[in-house]
Amino acid sequence: MKNKSRIRTRAYYRHHRKRVIQRKSKIARQFGWHVKFAGKFAMGKIHCSCFYCRRKTRELGLPKSDFVRLERMDDFYDLEE
């Protein structure tokens, strides 16, 4: 059986933190955002708050996944009748 605990060095964590920051910084530059400290990108997600990118219940009602589920239920009941 494999040993599940793996010892990872600080260099390993530094490498992946740098990789994540670079990827998110590139996305931010494409949107034209300016961030004072690049380290803010180390954790968390990058969200665009425009109407097309966000899928919030208060804006669109139900999420798209719920609309699909409801449509499938309607189709199912139509087939039974």
N, C-alpha and C. Protein backbone atom coordinates (compact mmCIF):
# COMPACT_ATOMS: atom_id res chain seq x y z
N MET A 1 0.83 -1.18 0.00
CA MET A 1 0.00 0.00 0.00
C MET A 1 0.88 1.25 0.00
N LYS A 2 0.43 2.27 -0.72
CA LYS A 2 1.20 3.50 -0.84
C LYS A 2 1.15 4.32 0.44
N ASN A 3 2.24 4.97 0.72
CA ASN A 3 2.28 5.88 1.84
C ASN A 3 1.59 7.18 1.43
N LYS A 4 0.52 7.53 2.12
CA LYS A 4 -0.27 8.70 1.70
C LYS A 4 0.34 10.02 2.14
N SER A 5 1.13 10.00 3.19
CA SER A 5 1.74 11.25 3.61
C SER A 5 2.98 11.51 2.78
N ARG A 6 3.00 12.64 2.14
CA ARG A 6 4.12 12.98 1.27
C ARG A 6 4.77 14.24 1.83
N ILE A 7 6.05 14.19 1.96
CA ILE A 7 6.77 15.34 2.48
C ILE A 7 7.07 16.27 1.31
N ARG A 8 6.57 17.48 1.40
CA ARG A 8 6.79 18.46 0.34
C ARG A 8 7.58 19.63 0.91
N THR A 9 8.51 20.09 0.14
CA THR A 9 9.40 21.15 0.62
C THR A 9 8.77 22.51 0.44
N ARG A 10 9.41 23.49 1.03
CA ARG A 10 8.96 24.87 0.85
C ARG A 10 9.09 25.30 -0.59
N ALA A 11 10.08 24.80 -1.26
CA ALA A 11 10.28 25.13 -2.68
C ALA A 11 9.10 24.65 -3.51
N TYR A 12 8.56 23.49 -3.18
CA TYR A 12 7.39 22.96 -3.88
C TYR A 12 6.21 23.91 -3.72
N TYR A 13 5.93 24.34 -2.50
CA TYR A 13 4.80 25.24 -2.26
C TYR A 13 5.04 26.62 -2.89
N ARG A 14 6.30 27.10 -2.83
CA ARG A 14 6.63 28.37 -3.47
C ARG A 14 6.41 28.31 -4.97
N HIS A 15 6.81 27.22 -5.58
CA HIS A 15 6.64 27.06 -7.03
C HIS A 15 5.16 27.13 -7.43
N HIS A 16 4.32 26.41 -6.73
CA HIS A 16 2.91 26.38 -7.10
C HIS A 16 2.21 27.70 -6.78
N ARG A 17 2.62 28.35 -5.70
CA ARG A 17 2.05 29.67 -5.39
C ARG A 17 2.41 30.66 -6.50
N LYS A 18 3.66 30.63 -6.93
CA LYS A 18 4.10 31.53 -8.01
C LYS A 18 3.35 31.24 -9.30
N ARG A 19 3.14 29.96 -9.59
CA ARG A 19 2.44 29.56 -10.82
C ARG A 19 1.00 30.09 -10.80
N VAL A 20 0.32 29.97 -9.66
CA VAL A 20 -1.06 30.43 -9.55
C VAL A 20 -1.13 31.95 -9.69
N ILE A 21 -0.20 32.65 -9.03
CA ILE A 21 -0.19 34.11 -9.10
C ILE A 21 0.05 34.58 -10.53
N GLN A 22 0.95 33.92 -11.26
CA GLN A 22 1.21 34.31 -12.64
C GLN A 22 -0.01 34.12 -13.53
N ARG A 23 -0.69 32.99 -13.36
CA ARG A 23 -1.88 32.72 -14.18
C ARG A 23 -2.97 33.75 -13.92
N LYS A 24 -3.23 34.04 -12.65
CA LYS A 24 -4.28 35.00 -12.32
C LYS A 24 -3.89 36.42 -12.69
N SER A 25 -2.61 36.75 -12.60
CA SER A 25 -2.15 38.08 -13.01
C SER A 25 -2.36 38.28 -14.51
N LYS A 26 -2.11 37.22 -15.27
CA LYS A 26 -2.32 37.31 -16.72
C LYS A 26 -3.79 37.55 -17.04
N ILE A 27 -4.67 36.87 -16.34
CA ILE A 27 -6.10 37.07 -16.54
C ILE A 27 -6.49 38.50 -16.17
N ALA A 28 -5.94 39.00 -15.07
CA ALA A 28 -6.25 40.36 -14.63
C ALA A 28 -5.77 41.39 -15.65
N ARG A 29 -4.59 41.18 -16.23
CA ARG A 29 -4.10 42.10 -17.26
C ARG A 29 -4.99 42.10 -18.49
N GLN A 30 -5.52 40.93 -18.85
CA GLN A 30 -6.39 40.85 -20.01
C GLN A 30 -7.68 41.65 -19.78
N PHE A 31 -8.17 41.68 -18.54
CA PHE A 31 -9.37 42.45 -18.21
C PHE A 31 -9.06 43.92 -17.96
N GLY A 32 -7.78 44.25 -17.84
CA GLY A 32 -7.39 45.64 -17.58
C GLY A 32 -7.46 46.01 -16.11
N TRP A 33 -7.42 45.04 -15.24
CA TRP A 33 -7.47 45.30 -13.80
C TRP A 33 -6.08 45.65 -13.30
N HIS A 34 -6.02 46.46 -12.27
CA HIS A 34 -4.75 46.80 -11.64
C HIS A 34 -4.82 46.40 -10.18
N VAL A 35 -3.84 45.63 -9.74
CA VAL A 35 -3.78 45.19 -8.35
C VAL A 35 -2.47 45.66 -7.77
N LYS A 36 -2.54 46.26 -6.59
CA LYS A 36 -1.35 46.82 -5.97
C LYS A 36 -0.33 45.74 -5.61
N PHE A 37 -0.81 44.64 -5.05
CA PHE A 37 0.09 43.55 -4.65
C PHE A 37 -0.32 42.27 -5.37
N ALA A 38 0.61 41.66 -6.06
CA ALA A 38 0.31 40.44 -6.81
C ALA A 38 -0.01 39.28 -5.88
N GLY A 39 0.44 39.32 -4.64
CA GLY A 39 0.18 38.25 -3.69
C GLY A 39 -1.29 38.05 -3.38
N LYS A 40 -2.13 39.03 -3.72
CA LYS A 40 -3.57 38.88 -3.51
C LYS A 40 -4.12 37.75 -4.37
N PHE A 41 -3.44 37.43 -5.44
CA PHE A 41 -3.90 36.37 -6.33
C PHE A 41 -3.53 34.97 -5.82
N ALA A 42 -2.80 34.89 -4.73
CA ALA A 42 -2.33 33.59 -4.24
C ALA A 42 -3.50 32.70 -3.83
N MET A 43 -4.52 33.29 -3.26
CA MET A 43 -5.67 32.47 -2.89
C MET A 43 -6.94 33.16 -3.34
N GLY A 44 -7.97 32.42 -3.45
CA GLY A 44 -9.23 32.98 -3.89
C GLY A 44 -9.40 32.83 -5.38
N LYS A 45 -10.52 33.33 -5.85
CA LYS A 45 -10.86 33.18 -7.26
C LYS A 45 -10.93 34.55 -7.91
N ILE A 46 -10.80 34.56 -9.20
CA ILE A 46 -10.95 35.79 -9.97
C ILE A 46 -12.32 35.76 -10.61
N HIS A 47 -13.12 36.75 -10.32
CA HIS A 47 -14.45 36.80 -10.88
C HIS A 47 -14.62 38.06 -11.70
N CYS A 48 -15.28 37.92 -12.79
CA CYS A 48 -15.70 39.07 -13.56
C CYS A 48 -17.14 39.33 -13.14
N SER A 49 -17.47 40.56 -12.86
CA SER A 49 -18.80 40.85 -12.35
C SER A 49 -19.75 41.33 -13.44
N CYS A 50 -19.40 41.14 -14.71
CA CYS A 50 -20.31 41.58 -15.76
C CYS A 50 -21.52 40.65 -15.83
N PHE A 51 -22.56 41.09 -16.49
CA PHE A 51 -23.82 40.35 -16.55
C PHE A 51 -23.65 38.97 -17.18
N TYR A 52 -22.79 38.88 -18.18
CA TYR A 52 -22.64 37.63 -18.91
C TYR A 52 -21.84 36.59 -18.13
N CYS A 53 -20.92 37.04 -17.29
CA CYS A 53 -20.07 36.09 -16.57
C CYS A 53 -20.69 35.60 -15.27
N ARG A 54 -21.46 36.43 -14.61
CA ARG A 54 -21.99 35.99 -13.32
C ARG A 54 -23.33 35.29 -13.49
N ARG A 55 -23.55 34.33 -12.69
CA ARG A 55 -24.80 33.58 -12.70
C ARG A 55 -25.35 33.59 -11.29
N LYS A 56 -26.03 34.65 -10.93
CA LYS A 56 -26.54 34.78 -9.57
C LYS A 56 -28.05 34.64 -9.58
N THR A 57 -28.55 34.12 -8.50
CA THR A 57 -29.98 33.86 -8.40
C THR A 57 -30.78 35.15 -8.46
N ARG A 58 -30.31 36.21 -7.84
CA ARG A 58 -31.09 37.45 -7.81
C ARG A 58 -31.20 38.09 -9.19
N GLU A 59 -30.21 37.82 -10.07
CA GLU A 59 -30.24 38.41 -11.40
C GLU A 59 -31.07 37.59 -12.38
N LEU A 60 -30.82 36.28 -12.40
CA LEU A 60 -31.41 35.45 -13.44
C LEU A 60 -32.48 34.50 -12.91
N GLY A 61 -32.83 34.60 -11.65
CA GLY A 61 -33.76 33.64 -11.09
C GLY A 61 -33.02 32.40 -10.67
N LEU A 62 -33.34 31.29 -11.23
CA LEU A 62 -32.66 30.03 -10.89
C LEU A 62 -31.38 29.88 -11.69
N PRO A 63 -30.40 29.13 -11.17
CA PRO A 63 -29.21 28.84 -11.95
C PRO A 63 -29.54 27.99 -13.18
N LYS A 64 -28.66 28.01 -14.16
CA LYS A 64 -28.90 27.29 -15.39
C LYS A 64 -29.09 25.80 -15.14
N SER A 65 -28.34 25.24 -14.21
CA SER A 65 -28.46 23.81 -13.91
C SER A 65 -29.87 23.47 -13.43
N ASP A 66 -30.49 24.37 -12.66
CA ASP A 66 -31.86 24.13 -12.20
C ASP A 66 -32.86 24.23 -13.35
N PHE A 67 -32.62 25.17 -14.27
CA PHE A 67 -33.50 25.28 -15.44
C PHE A 67 -33.44 24.00 -16.27
N VAL A 68 -32.25 23.47 -16.45
CA VAL A 68 -32.09 22.23 -17.22
C VAL A 68 -32.82 21.09 -16.52
N ARG A 69 -32.67 21.01 -15.20
CA ARG A 69 -33.34 19.96 -14.44
C ARG A 69 -34.85 20.06 -14.57
N LEU A 70 -35.39 21.29 -14.50
CA LEU A 70 -36.84 21.47 -14.64
C LEU A 70 -37.32 21.09 -16.04
N GLU A 71 -36.55 21.45 -17.06
CA GLU A 71 -36.93 21.09 -18.42
C GLU A 71 -36.94 19.58 -18.61
N ARG A 72 -35.97 18.91 -18.03
CA ARG A 72 -35.93 17.45 -18.13
C ARG A 72 -37.13 16.82 -17.42
N MET A 73 -37.51 17.39 -16.28
CA MET A 73 -38.67 16.87 -15.56
C MET A 73 -39.94 17.06 -16.38
N ASP A 74 -40.06 18.24 -17.02
CA ASP A 74 -41.23 18.49 -17.86
C ASP A 74 -41.29 17.51 -19.03
N ASP A 75 -40.13 17.25 -19.65
CA ASP A 75 -40.09 16.29 -20.75
C ASP A 75 -40.47 14.89 -20.27
N PHE A 76 -40.02 14.54 -19.08
CA PHE A 76 -40.32 13.23 -18.53
C PHE A 76 -41.82 13.06 -18.30
N TYR A 77 -42.45 14.10 -17.72
CA TYR A 77 -43.89 14.02 -17.47
C TYR A 77 -44.71 14.05 -18.76
N ASP A 78 -44.20 14.74 -19.78
CA ASP A 78 -44.87 14.73 -21.07
C ASP A 78 -44.85 13.35 -21.71
N LEU A 79 -43.77 12.63 -21.51
CA LEU A 79 -43.66 11.28 -22.08
C LEU A 79 -44.60 10.29 -21.38
N GLU A 80 -44.85 10.51 -20.08
CA GLU A 80 -45.74 9.60 -19.33
C GLU A 80 -47.19 9.78 -19.76
N GLU A 81 -47.57 10.96 -20.13
CA GLU A 81 -48.97 11.23 -20.45
C GLU A 81 -49.31 10.88 -21.85
